[in-house]
Structure formats: structure tokens, C-alpha cells
Amino acid sequence: MDRLRRTLWAAALPLLLPLAAAGHASAAPSTPSLTYGSVTPVRPGDTLTVDARSGEAAYGDTLHSSAFVATGTLRMMHPLLTTTVTIACDARPGVLPVTRRGAGDTGPDEHPLRWARVRVRPVGEEARRACRDRVRHLPAPPREERWAPDSTWPQSEWDVRAFRAGSRVTVTDNDDEGADGDISLTSRAFADRPVLRGARAVLTATATLKCGTKPGLYVVYRHDSRLSDPARPWARLRVTAASAGKACSTDQAAHTLGTYSRTGVLAWTAGGVFLAAAAGTALVRRARSRRLREEAAE
């Protein structure tokens, strides 16, 4: 009987280990999150993910607290607005408010909006020293944003969408009333220099991506003929490889266009010489035919 139990246990052990591992993983602590109206327990050095749903905040709003190392700015990660904040290593224990301010607001708030609270747990000096070492090496928060796929591009400077090399991309600017034809765009990924055109503060252009563009992140620069300022970064896009099995012809078309303008002149010139020669031959033939008729009449 003992031998049978050992045999059954040995057979069941490989099946039980994955279940135990899954249970341990589910019990592992996750990154704390800060949501609207919440009271979140934290320790100095914790990095919080802030998530706001529609109606709880607006794009570009900022979150402030004496417990934070720095202000958090809400960015779009569709369908949420999100940012990350880190609890300062010298944050005093207790419940501290988190306030929200509108995008672009300056000066002191007379009536700050209490958005959430954090409950900072007390820690010893050794933990604070370890916190300072850890916070010093924290990476910068990511800046890329994810907007709704059915929204026009770009919605912001960091609204990064993915496009295939060789494709044609519609660019939309929703904030430049009366700038029809004044704004052009350049990028190392573009095969041309599109110009934004339109009215009622909505300008559009179509850009063609080079076939030979290597996959990666590219900056789009904005040039405004009304201003003397140099070009400034205005948008970003991620280029992916061209469609497999589909010929990409934007580079070839651009090259052919230049070649066509030169060879076209040659062809036009050659055609003109040919037509002139043909016309001359026809005149000679008509003159000879008229002379033969006159001689025959005499």
C-alpha cells in the first residue's frame, strides 16, 4: 500500500507543481494603483500607477501631493488616462491628500480638487536610505500614448501610431484656424513634404512613407511659414516593415518621377524633331507633286 501511495504521489507531483506556482504568482504583490476617491496605503519609494476613467479627469491634468517625488501628468492610454508617481523617501507618515489641477493651470489653487489620498506607512531610517538609492536609479516614465484607433492622427505630440513602410498616411491638425497652406511637415520617414490645408481649424495632409524606411520611431517636424521660429517636433510615428509579398513602390515612384522629368524632355525633344522632319518631308512631297502636275499640263 505504501508503495502504491508513493507511485501515485510521484505521478501527481508534476501536475501539482504548476498549480502551486500559479497560486504563488497570484499571491505576489502587484504594483499599487491610485484611483479616484481611493485611500491607498503606500511606503516611501513606492511607484504608483494612476488610472482615471472618463469623467474623473481630463487629458493633461496634473496630480499633486506633498508625498510625491514629482507631479504626475495624465496621458492617454485608451480607454484610460494614466501616469505614474513615486512616493518621496522623506514623506511623513499619515494620510496625505492628492489634488488634481487642470491642464495648463498656473498659480496657486484657491479651491484644490481633492482627487484621492495616500496613507504613508512609517519606516525606519535604514529603509529611507535604501529608498533614496532605489529612487535615484528609477527610469524616466514612458511618454508614448495610445489613443482610440478610430481617432485622427496625431491627437498629441506623443500619440504614436504604427504604419507600414510605403503606406500613405493622413495627418490631421485640429488646432490651427486660418493656417491653410502655411504649415508643412517633414520627417526622415516621409518621401515628400506634405502641406496642411483646410478650414475651420481642421487641416489635413497626406504623407507617403518611404519604402526603405527602417522600422522604428520617427519624429515629424512642423514648419510654419508665418513664424520665424525653427521647426519643432510635432508628432511621432512608428514605422513597421512593408507588407510581405507586396511590392513597395514609393521610392521607385519618386525616383521614376525625377527620371521621367529628364527623360520626358528628351523624349519630347526627340518627338519634336521627328515631327518636324516628318512635316518637312510632307512639304517636299507636296511641292514635287505640284511641279509634276504643272509640267504635265504644259
Protein backbone atom coordinates (compact mmCIF):
# COMPACT_ATOMS: atom_id res chain seq x y z
CA MET A 1 0.00 0.00 0.00
CA ASP A 2 2.85 2.39 0.84
CA ARG A 3 4.48 1.59 -2.47
CA LEU A 4 1.20 2.36 -4.25
CA ARG A 5 0.89 5.73 -2.43
CA ARG A 6 4.46 6.65 -3.39
CA THR A 7 3.78 5.73 -7.01
CA LEU A 8 0.59 7.82 -7.12
CA TRP A 9 2.30 10.80 -5.43
CA ALA A 10 5.19 10.64 -7.89
CA ALA A 11 2.74 10.64 -10.80
CA ALA A 12 0.68 13.54 -9.39
CA LEU A 13 3.61 15.75 -8.39
CA PRO A 14 4.32 17.12 -11.93
CA LEU A 15 0.66 18.14 -12.17
CA LEU A 16 0.57 19.81 -8.74
CA LEU A 17 3.74 21.89 -9.15
CA PRO A 18 2.32 24.21 -11.89
CA LEU A 19 -0.81 24.76 -9.77
CA ALA A 20 1.29 25.67 -6.75
CA ALA A 21 3.41 28.04 -8.83
CA ALA A 22 0.28 29.70 -10.24
CA GLY A 23 -1.09 30.15 -6.73
CA HIS A 24 2.18 31.70 -5.58
CA ALA A 25 2.21 34.06 -8.59
CA SER A 26 -1.36 35.17 -7.91
CA ALA A 27 -0.44 35.89 -4.31
CA ALA A 28 2.58 38.00 -5.31
CA PRO A 29 2.11 41.71 -4.52
CA SER A 30 1.22 43.86 -7.51
CA THR A 31 2.20 47.45 -8.21
CA PRO A 32 -0.07 49.73 -6.13
CA SER A 33 -2.57 51.79 -8.08
CA LEU A 34 -4.15 55.12 -7.25
CA THR A 35 -7.70 55.69 -8.43
CA TYR A 36 -10.27 58.45 -7.99
CA GLY A 37 -11.61 58.68 -4.43
CA SER A 38 -9.31 55.96 -3.12
CA VAL A 39 -7.17 55.84 0.04
CA THR A 40 -4.09 53.87 -0.99
CA PRO A 41 -1.60 52.51 1.57
CA VAL A 42 1.99 53.17 0.44
CA ARG A 43 5.57 53.08 1.64
CA PRO A 44 8.33 55.61 0.81
CA GLY A 45 9.81 54.69 -2.58
CA ASP A 46 6.66 53.01 -3.91
CA THR A 47 5.76 53.82 -7.52
CA LEU A 48 2.02 54.10 -8.10
CA THR A 49 0.11 53.70 -11.33
CA VAL A 50 -2.62 56.33 -11.57
CA ASP A 51 -5.65 55.38 -13.67
CA ALA A 52 -8.55 57.73 -14.38
CA ARG A 53 -11.70 56.87 -16.29
CA SER A 54 -13.75 59.25 -18.40
CA GLY A 55 -15.34 61.91 -16.20
CA GLU A 56 -12.77 61.55 -13.40
CA ALA A 57 -10.10 63.72 -15.04
CA ALA A 58 -9.12 65.27 -18.37
CA TYR A 59 -6.13 64.76 -20.62
CA GLY A 60 -3.14 66.78 -19.40
CA ASP A 61 -4.47 67.26 -15.87
CA THR A 62 -1.80 67.10 -13.18
CA LEU A 63 -1.83 65.31 -9.81
CA HIS A 64 -0.05 66.88 -6.85
CA SER A 65 0.81 65.72 -3.34
CA SER A 66 3.47 66.51 -0.77
CA ALA A 67 4.03 62.76 -0.70
CA PHE A 68 5.14 62.64 -4.36
CA VAL A 69 8.66 62.98 -5.68
CA ALA A 70 7.26 64.86 -8.70
CA THR A 71 3.94 65.90 -10.20
CA GLY A 72 2.16 63.34 -12.37
CA THR A 73 0.70 64.39 -15.74
CA LEU A 74 -2.18 62.31 -17.07
CA ARG A 75 -1.58 60.86 -20.53
CA MET A 76 -3.87 58.87 -22.78
CA MET A 77 -3.65 55.10 -22.70
CA HIS A 78 -7.02 54.33 -24.26
CA PRO A 79 -9.51 53.85 -22.69
CA LEU A 80 -7.86 55.30 -19.54
CA LEU A 81 -5.85 58.36 -18.61
CA THR A 82 -2.76 57.29 -16.74
CA THR A 83 0.51 58.36 -15.19
CA THR A 84 2.99 57.12 -12.59
CA VAL A 85 4.05 58.82 -9.37
CA THR A 86 6.66 57.86 -6.78
CA ILE A 87 6.32 58.32 -3.03
CA ALA A 88 9.12 60.50 -1.68
CA CYS A 89 11.62 58.84 0.63
CA ASP A 90 11.12 61.55 3.26
CA ALA A 91 7.30 61.58 3.03
CA ARG A 92 5.86 61.97 6.52
CA PRO A 93 3.65 59.15 7.81
CA GLY A 94 -0.07 59.67 7.75
CA VAL A 95 -2.90 60.30 5.31
CA LEU A 96 -1.96 62.92 2.71
CA PRO A 97 -4.24 64.41 0.03
CA VAL A 98 -3.73 64.09 -3.73
CA THR A 99 -5.13 67.07 -5.64
CA ARG A 100 -5.93 67.43 -9.33
CA ARG A 101 -5.33 70.57 -11.37
CA GLY A 102 -6.45 71.31 -14.91
CA ALA A 103 -4.02 71.16 -17.81
CA GLY A 104 -2.20 74.46 -18.17
CA ASP A 105 -3.35 75.85 -14.83
CA THR A 106 -0.81 78.16 -13.25
CA GLY A 107 -0.60 79.85 -9.88
CA PRO A 108 -1.94 78.63 -6.53
CA ASP A 109 -5.28 76.91 -6.35
CA GLU A 110 -7.85 78.62 -4.14
CA HIS A 111 -10.03 75.53 -4.05
CA PRO A 112 -7.90 72.48 -4.95
CA LEU A 113 -9.86 69.43 -6.01
CA ARG A 114 -9.24 66.53 -3.64
CA TRP A 115 -8.86 63.62 -6.05
CA ALA A 116 -7.56 60.82 -3.79
CA ARG A 117 -5.47 60.18 -0.68
CA VAL A 118 -2.40 58.14 0.20
CA ARG A 119 -1.71 56.62 3.61
CA VAL A 120 2.06 56.68 4.09
CA ARG A 121 3.30 53.95 6.40
CA PRO A 122 6.08 54.76 8.86
CA VAL A 123 9.52 53.29 8.09
CA GLY A 124 12.93 53.40 9.75
CA GLU A 125 15.98 55.36 8.69
CA GLU A 126 17.59 52.31 7.12
CA ALA A 127 14.56 51.83 4.88
CA ARG A 128 14.69 55.52 3.89
CA ARG A 129 18.36 55.21 2.90
CA ALA A 130 17.54 52.17 0.76
CA CYS A 131 14.65 54.15 -0.70
CA ARG A 132 16.95 57.01 -1.74
CA ASP A 133 19.29 54.59 -3.53
CA ARG A 134 16.37 52.97 -5.34
CA VAL A 135 14.63 56.20 -6.36
CA ARG A 136 17.89 57.66 -7.67
CA HIS A 137 18.01 54.94 -10.34
CA LEU A 138 14.37 54.91 -11.36
CA PRO A 139 13.88 55.14 -15.16
CA ALA A 140 12.00 58.08 -16.63
CA PRO A 141 8.28 57.37 -17.11
CA PRO A 142 7.28 56.39 -20.66
CA ARG A 143 5.92 59.23 -22.79
CA GLU A 144 4.20 57.34 -25.61
CA GLU A 145 0.43 57.47 -25.63
CA ARG A 146 -2.27 55.21 -27.04
CA TRP A 147 -5.38 56.95 -28.37
CA ALA A 148 -8.57 55.40 -29.72
CA PRO A 149 -7.82 53.68 -33.04
CA ASP A 150 -10.71 55.48 -34.76
CA SER A 151 -9.44 58.96 -33.78
CA THR A 152 -7.47 61.09 -36.23
CA TRP A 153 -3.68 61.14 -36.00
CA PRO A 154 -2.00 62.80 -34.20
CA GLN A 155 -4.02 63.73 -31.13
CA SER A 156 -0.87 64.83 -29.30
CA GLU A 157 2.90 65.05 -29.80
CA TRP A 158 3.30 61.56 -28.29
CA ASP A 159 0.30 59.90 -29.96
CA VAL A 160 2.41 57.15 -31.54
CA ARG A 161 0.64 55.07 -34.21
CA ALA A 162 2.17 52.27 -36.26
CA PHE A 163 2.22 52.50 -40.09
CA ARG A 164 3.80 50.23 -42.68
CA ALA A 165 6.68 51.49 -44.79
CA GLY A 166 5.43 52.59 -48.20
CA SER A 167 1.93 53.41 -46.97
CA ARG A 168 0.08 56.71 -47.29
CA VAL A 169 -0.85 58.37 -44.00
CA THR A 170 -3.50 61.01 -43.36
CA VAL A 171 -2.25 63.73 -40.99
CA THR A 172 -4.80 65.92 -39.18
CA ASP A 173 -4.30 69.13 -37.22
CA ASN A 174 -7.33 70.24 -35.21
CA ASP A 175 -5.90 73.44 -33.72
CA ASP A 176 -4.75 75.82 -36.48
CA GLU A 177 -7.60 78.00 -37.66
CA GLY A 178 -6.71 80.16 -40.66
CA ALA A 179 -3.40 78.41 -41.35
CA ASP A 180 -4.42 76.88 -44.70
CA GLY A 181 -1.22 76.24 -46.69
CA ASP A 182 1.08 77.82 -44.08
CA ILE A 183 2.21 74.65 -42.32
CA SER A 184 4.36 71.93 -43.85
CA LEU A 185 5.65 68.73 -42.27
CA THR A 186 8.94 66.90 -42.61
CA SER A 187 10.26 63.60 -41.32
CA ARG A 188 13.03 61.18 -42.18
CA ALA A 189 10.24 58.66 -42.78
CA PHE A 190 8.44 60.84 -45.35
CA ALA A 191 9.02 60.56 -49.10
CA ASP A 192 7.54 64.06 -49.57
CA ARG A 193 6.85 67.30 -47.69
CA PRO A 194 3.09 67.46 -47.13
CA VAL A 195 1.33 70.80 -46.59
CA LEU A 196 -1.63 71.06 -44.22
CA ARG A 197 -4.71 72.51 -45.87
CA GLY A 198 -8.30 73.10 -44.80
CA ALA A 199 -10.61 75.45 -42.94
CA ARG A 200 -12.50 75.82 -39.67
CA ALA A 201 -9.41 74.88 -37.63
CA VAL A 202 -9.20 71.40 -39.20
CA LEU A 203 -6.22 70.97 -41.52
CA THR A 204 -5.25 67.74 -43.24
CA ALA A 205 -2.48 66.41 -45.45
CA THR A 206 -1.41 63.07 -46.88
CA ALA A 207 2.15 61.86 -46.34
CA THR A 208 3.81 58.95 -48.13
CA LEU A 209 6.23 56.82 -46.12
CA LYS A 210 9.45 55.77 -47.83
CA CYS A 211 9.66 52.13 -48.80
CA GLY A 212 13.21 51.89 -47.50
CA THR A 213 12.43 53.31 -44.05
CA LYS A 214 13.80 51.05 -41.32
CA PRO A 215 11.32 50.01 -38.62
CA GLY A 216 11.46 52.31 -35.61
CA LEU A 217 10.22 55.55 -34.06
CA TYR A 218 10.36 58.73 -36.19
CA VAL A 219 9.75 62.39 -35.37
CA VAL A 220 7.54 64.63 -37.52
CA TYR A 221 8.62 68.28 -37.57
CA ARG A 222 6.29 71.22 -38.11
CA HIS A 223 7.31 74.24 -40.21
CA ASP A 224 5.10 77.35 -40.02
CA SER A 225 5.80 79.98 -42.68
CA ARG A 226 4.13 82.64 -40.51
CA LEU A 227 6.73 82.26 -37.76
CA SER A 228 10.47 82.80 -37.68
CA ASP A 229 10.94 80.03 -35.13
CA PRO A 230 12.80 76.92 -36.30
CA ALA A 231 10.96 73.69 -36.96
CA ARG A 232 9.72 71.96 -33.82
CA PRO A 233 8.83 68.33 -33.08
CA TRP A 234 5.10 67.99 -33.60
CA ALA A 235 4.25 64.30 -33.82
CA ARG A 236 5.79 60.84 -33.76
CA LEU A 237 5.03 57.62 -35.61
CA ARG A 238 6.33 54.08 -35.55
CA VAL A 239 7.20 52.56 -38.92
CA THR A 240 6.85 48.80 -39.35
CA ALA A 241 8.13 46.65 -42.19
CA ALA A 242 6.39 46.85 -45.57
CA SER A 243 3.70 44.28 -46.31
CA ALA A 244 5.18 40.88 -47.09
CA GLY A 245 4.70 39.79 -50.67
CA LYS A 246 3.54 43.23 -51.77
CA ALA A 247 5.80 45.37 -53.93
CA CYS A 248 6.59 48.71 -52.33
CA SER A 249 6.99 51.42 -54.95
CA THR A 250 7.12 54.82 -53.24
CA ASP A 251 10.90 55.14 -53.52
CA GLN A 252 10.81 53.79 -57.06
CA ALA A 253 7.96 56.16 -57.95
CA ALA A 254 9.85 59.15 -56.57
CA HIS A 255 12.96 58.11 -58.48
CA THR A 256 10.94 57.44 -61.60
CA LEU A 257 9.28 60.83 -61.30
CA GLY A 258 12.65 62.56 -61.33
CA THR A 259 13.88 60.36 -64.14
CA TYR A 260 10.68 60.91 -66.06
CA SER A 261 11.12 64.68 -65.94
CA ARG A 262 14.54 64.34 -67.56
CA THR A 263 13.82 61.54 -70.00
CA GLY A 264 10.48 63.14 -70.76
CA VAL A 265 12.24 66.25 -72.01
CA LEU A 266 14.50 64.10 -74.15
CA ALA A 267 11.56 62.13 -75.45
CA TRP A 268 9.61 65.32 -76.13
CA THR A 269 12.59 66.83 -77.91
CA ALA A 270 13.15 63.69 -79.97
CA GLY A 271 9.46 63.56 -80.77
CA GLY A 272 9.54 67.20 -81.83
CA VAL A 273 12.50 66.59 -84.14
CA PHE A 274 10.72 63.60 -85.62
CA LEU A 275 7.51 65.56 -86.18
CA ALA A 276 9.42 68.46 -87.71
CA ALA A 277 11.25 66.09 -90.04
CA ALA A 278 8.01 64.39 -90.99
CA ALA A 279 6.34 67.74 -91.66
CA GLY A 280 9.30 68.80 -93.82
CA THR A 281 9.15 65.58 -95.83
CA ALA A 282 5.43 66.05 -96.41
CA LEU A 283 6.00 69.60 -97.73
CA VAL A 284 8.72 68.41 -100.11
CA ARG A 285 6.45 65.66 -101.41
CA ARG A 286 3.55 68.08 -101.97
CA ALA A 287 5.82 70.56 -103.79
CA ARG A 288 7.21 67.82 -106.05
CA SER A 289 3.71 66.53 -106.82
CA ARG A 290 2.54 70.06 -107.73
CA ARG A 291 5.56 70.59 -110.05
CA LEU A 292 4.92 67.29 -111.86
CA ARG A 293 1.28 68.26 -112.40
CA GLU A 294 2.32 71.63 -113.85
CA GLU A 295 4.85 70.01 -116.23
CA ALA A 296 2.25 67.53 -117.40
CA ALA A 297 -0.22 70.36 -118.10
CA GLU A 298 2.31 72.16 -120.31
